[in-house]
Amino acid sequence: KQWYQRRVRVHKRIHGIGFKRRAPRAIKEIKKFAEKMMGTPDVRIDTRLNKHVWHKGVKNVPFRVRVRLARKRNEDEDSIHKLYTLVTVVEGIESFKGLTTQNVDVDE
């Protein structure tokens, strides 16, 4: 297992999107970002991340979101994908200045 902490620049990904579609599009863009970073087509969004994106309403989406991307083994036997990515929000970020990507390998 391994996980990364990354910053997703949501603002540039939803530029030009109508107000009533901004938060749903932001969730889709975060999923797309996670799929590209981790290489797994099965991406699952944590409910806290969903709440964080939506907490200011449908149109006032946060400009940046710090996320943790964890690649996990799929327990479902019927699934065609061996791995999935779980995307969770990193709480308590006051400033995004000077943050770098954190890579962590976890052996279990």
C-alpha atoms as a PDB file:
ATOM      1  CA  LYS A   1       0.000   0.000   0.000  1.00  0.00           C
ATOM      2  CA  GLN A   2       1.091   3.534  -0.552  1.00  0.00           C
ATOM      3  CA  TRP A   3      -0.398   6.994  -0.384  1.00  0.00           C
ATOM      4  CA  TYR A   4       0.391  10.510  -1.507  1.00  0.00           C
ATOM      5  CA  GLN A   5      -0.638  13.904  -0.214  1.00  0.00           C
ATOM      6  CA  ARG A   6      -1.247  16.311  -3.067  1.00  0.00           C
ATOM      7  CA  ARG A   7      -2.840  19.679  -3.618  1.00  0.00           C
ATOM      8  CA  VAL A   8      -5.568  19.787  -6.259  1.00  0.00           C
ATOM      9  CA  ARG A   9      -6.029  23.177  -7.904  1.00  0.00           C
ATOM     10  CA  VAL A  10      -9.794  22.979  -8.282  1.00  0.00           C
ATOM     11  CA  HIS A  11     -10.235  26.588  -9.424  1.00  0.00           C
ATOM     12  CA  LYS A  12      -8.464  26.151 -12.757  1.00  0.00           C
ATOM     13  CA  ARG A  13     -10.353  22.907 -13.429  1.00  0.00           C
ATOM     14  CA  ILE A  14     -13.840  24.422 -13.009  1.00  0.00           C
ATOM     15  CA  HIS A  15     -13.112  27.774 -14.689  1.00  0.00           C
ATOM     16  CA  GLY A  16     -15.953  28.714 -17.007  1.00  0.00           C
ATOM     17  CA  ILE A  17     -18.423  26.188 -15.563  1.00  0.00           C
ATOM     18  CA  GLY A  18     -21.913  27.466 -14.745  1.00  0.00           C
ATOM     19  CA  PHE A  19     -22.750  28.106 -11.103  1.00  0.00           C
ATOM     20  CA  LYS A  20     -25.153  25.209 -10.635  1.00  0.00           C
ATOM     21  CA  ARG A  21     -22.642  22.690 -11.983  1.00  0.00           C
ATOM     22  CA  ARG A  22     -19.484  23.823 -10.167  1.00  0.00           C
ATOM     23  CA  ALA A  23     -19.435  21.496  -7.128  1.00  0.00           C
ATOM     24  CA  PRO A  24     -20.460  18.363  -9.094  1.00  0.00           C
ATOM     25  CA  ARG A  25     -17.809  19.152 -11.719  1.00  0.00           C
ATOM     26  CA  ALA A  26     -15.202  19.720  -8.991  1.00  0.00           C
ATOM     27  CA  ILE A  27     -15.859  16.217  -7.634  1.00  0.00           C
ATOM     28  CA  LYS A  28     -15.509  14.778 -11.150  1.00  0.00           C
ATOM     29  CA  GLU A  29     -12.242  16.683 -11.678  1.00  0.00           C
ATOM     30  CA  ILE A  30     -10.815  15.442  -8.360  1.00  0.00           C
ATOM     31  CA  LYS A  31     -11.695  11.890  -9.435  1.00  0.00           C
ATOM     32  CA  LYS A  32     -10.006  12.461 -12.796  1.00  0.00           C
ATOM     33  CA  PHE A  33      -6.919  13.861 -11.052  1.00  0.00           C
ATOM     34  CA  ALA A  34      -6.734  10.820  -8.733  1.00  0.00           C
ATOM     35  CA  GLU A  35      -7.109   8.406 -11.644  1.00  0.00           C
ATOM     36  CA  LYS A  36      -4.269  10.120 -13.501  1.00  0.00           C
ATOM     37  CA  MET A  37      -1.959  10.222 -10.461  1.00  0.00           C
ATOM     38  CA  MET A  38      -2.547   6.677  -9.201  1.00  0.00           C
ATOM     39  CA  GLY A  39      -3.314   4.802 -12.405  1.00  0.00           C
ATOM     40  CA  THR A  40      -6.465   3.074 -11.122  1.00  0.00           C
ATOM     41  CA  PRO A  41      -9.765   3.519 -12.977  1.00  0.00           C
ATOM     42  CA  ASP A  42     -11.710   2.747  -9.763  1.00  0.00           C
ATOM     43  CA  VAL A  43     -11.625   5.969  -7.665  1.00  0.00           C
ATOM     44  CA  ARG A  44     -13.686   6.404  -4.494  1.00  0.00           C
ATOM     45  CA  ILE A  45     -14.343   9.780  -2.875  1.00  0.00           C
ATOM     46  CA  ASP A  46     -14.538   9.955   0.931  1.00  0.00           C
ATOM     47  CA  THR A  47     -17.697  11.561   2.340  1.00  0.00           C
ATOM     48  CA  ARG A  48     -15.634  14.153   4.263  1.00  0.00           C
ATOM     49  CA  LEU A  49     -14.001  15.282   1.012  1.00  0.00           C
ATOM     50  CA  ASN A  50     -17.432  15.564  -0.596  1.00  0.00           C
ATOM     51  CA  LYS A  51     -18.637  17.666   2.360  1.00  0.00           C
ATOM     52  CA  HIS A  52     -15.510  19.844   2.161  1.00  0.00           C
ATOM     53  CA  VAL A  53     -16.080  20.600  -1.533  1.00  0.00           C
ATOM     54  CA  TRP A  54     -19.767  21.364  -0.942  1.00  0.00           C
ATOM     55  CA  HIS A  55     -19.463  23.223   2.404  1.00  0.00           C
ATOM     56  CA  LYS A  56     -19.736  26.684   0.804  1.00  0.00           C
ATOM     57  CA  GLY A  57     -22.545  25.691  -1.526  1.00  0.00           C
ATOM     58  CA  VAL A  58     -22.818  24.570  -5.130  1.00  0.00           C
ATOM     59  CA  LYS A  59     -21.106  27.603  -6.654  1.00  0.00           C
ATOM     60  CA  ASN A  60     -18.461  28.705  -4.111  1.00  0.00           C
ATOM     61  CA  VAL A  61     -16.110  25.739  -4.389  1.00  0.00           C
ATOM     62  CA  PRO A  62     -12.730  26.050  -2.558  1.00  0.00           C
ATOM     63  CA  PHE A  63      -9.889  27.152  -4.871  1.00  0.00           C
ATOM     64  CA  ARG A  64      -7.513  24.446  -3.638  1.00  0.00           C
ATOM     65  CA  VAL A  65      -7.978  21.151  -1.799  1.00  0.00           C
ATOM     66  CA  ARG A  66      -5.255  19.103  -0.096  1.00  0.00           C
ATOM     67  CA  VAL A  67      -6.042  15.428  -0.640  1.00  0.00           C
ATOM     68  CA  ARG A  68      -4.548  12.107   0.398  1.00  0.00           C
ATOM     69  CA  LEU A  69      -4.541   9.503  -2.373  1.00  0.00           C
ATOM     70  CA  ALA A  70      -4.331   5.924  -1.079  1.00  0.00           C
ATOM     71  CA  ARG A  71      -4.055   2.952  -3.408  1.00  0.00           C
ATOM     72  CA  LYS A  72      -5.771  -0.046  -1.824  1.00  0.00           C
ATOM     73  CA  ARG A  73      -6.428  -3.653  -2.715  1.00  0.00           C
ATOM     74  CA  ASN A  74      -9.995  -4.366  -3.815  1.00  0.00           C
ATOM     75  CA  GLU A  75     -11.718  -6.784  -1.429  1.00  0.00           C
ATOM     76  CA  ASP A  76     -14.625  -7.352  -3.818  1.00  0.00           C
ATOM     77  CA  GLU A  77     -13.974 -10.607  -5.650  1.00  0.00           C
ATOM     78  CA  ASP A  78     -16.307  -9.780  -8.557  1.00  0.00           C
ATOM     79  CA  SER A  79     -14.528  -6.547  -9.464  1.00  0.00           C
ATOM     80  CA  ILE A  80     -12.426  -6.467 -12.626  1.00  0.00           C
ATOM     81  CA  HIS A  81      -9.941  -4.032 -10.999  1.00  0.00           C
ATOM     82  CA  LYS A  82      -7.450  -5.384  -8.469  1.00  0.00           C
ATOM     83  CA  LEU A  83      -6.803  -1.961  -6.918  1.00  0.00           C
ATOM     84  CA  TYR A  84      -8.795   1.152  -6.141  1.00  0.00           C
ATOM     85  CA  THR A  85      -7.887   4.662  -5.017  1.00  0.00           C
ATOM     86  CA  LEU A  86      -9.460   6.207  -1.917  1.00  0.00           C
ATOM     87  CA  VAL A  87      -9.383  10.013  -1.923  1.00  0.00           C
ATOM     88  CA  THR A  88      -9.686  11.745   1.459  1.00  0.00           C
ATOM     89  CA  VAL A  89      -9.344  15.390   2.454  1.00  0.00           C
ATOM     90  CA  VAL A  90      -6.472  16.589   4.653  1.00  0.00           C
ATOM     91  CA  GLU A  91      -8.035  18.814   7.317  1.00  0.00           C
ATOM     92  CA  GLY A  92      -6.422  21.770   9.071  1.00  0.00           C
ATOM     93  CA  ILE A  93      -4.504  23.390   6.205  1.00  0.00           C
ATOM     94  CA  GLU A  94      -4.265  27.152   6.863  1.00  0.00           C
ATOM     95  CA  SER A  95      -1.927  27.964   3.979  1.00  0.00           C
ATOM     96  CA  PHE A  96      -0.991  26.041   0.835  1.00  0.00           C
ATOM     97  CA  LYS A  97       2.315  27.918   0.502  1.00  0.00           C
ATOM     98  CA  GLY A  98       5.428  25.736   0.599  1.00  0.00           C
ATOM     99  CA  LEU A  99       3.570  22.412   0.706  1.00  0.00           C
ATOM    100  CA  THR A 100       5.150  19.577  -1.235  1.00  0.00           C
ATOM    101  CA  THR A 101       4.028  16.134  -2.275  1.00  0.00           C
ATOM    102  CA  GLN A 102       4.432  13.538   0.461  1.00  0.00           C
ATOM    103  CA  ASN A 103       4.974   9.935  -0.626  1.00  0.00           C
ATOM    104  CA  VAL A 104       4.575   7.239   2.006  1.00  0.00           C
ATOM    105  CA  ASP A 105       4.983   3.475   1.550  1.00  0.00           C
ATOM    106  CA  VAL A 106       3.091   1.467   4.174  1.00  0.00           C
ATOM    107  CA  ASP A 107       3.823  -2.222   4.628  1.00  0.00           C
ATOM    108  CA  GLU A 108       1.021  -4.227   6.200  1.00  0.00           C
END
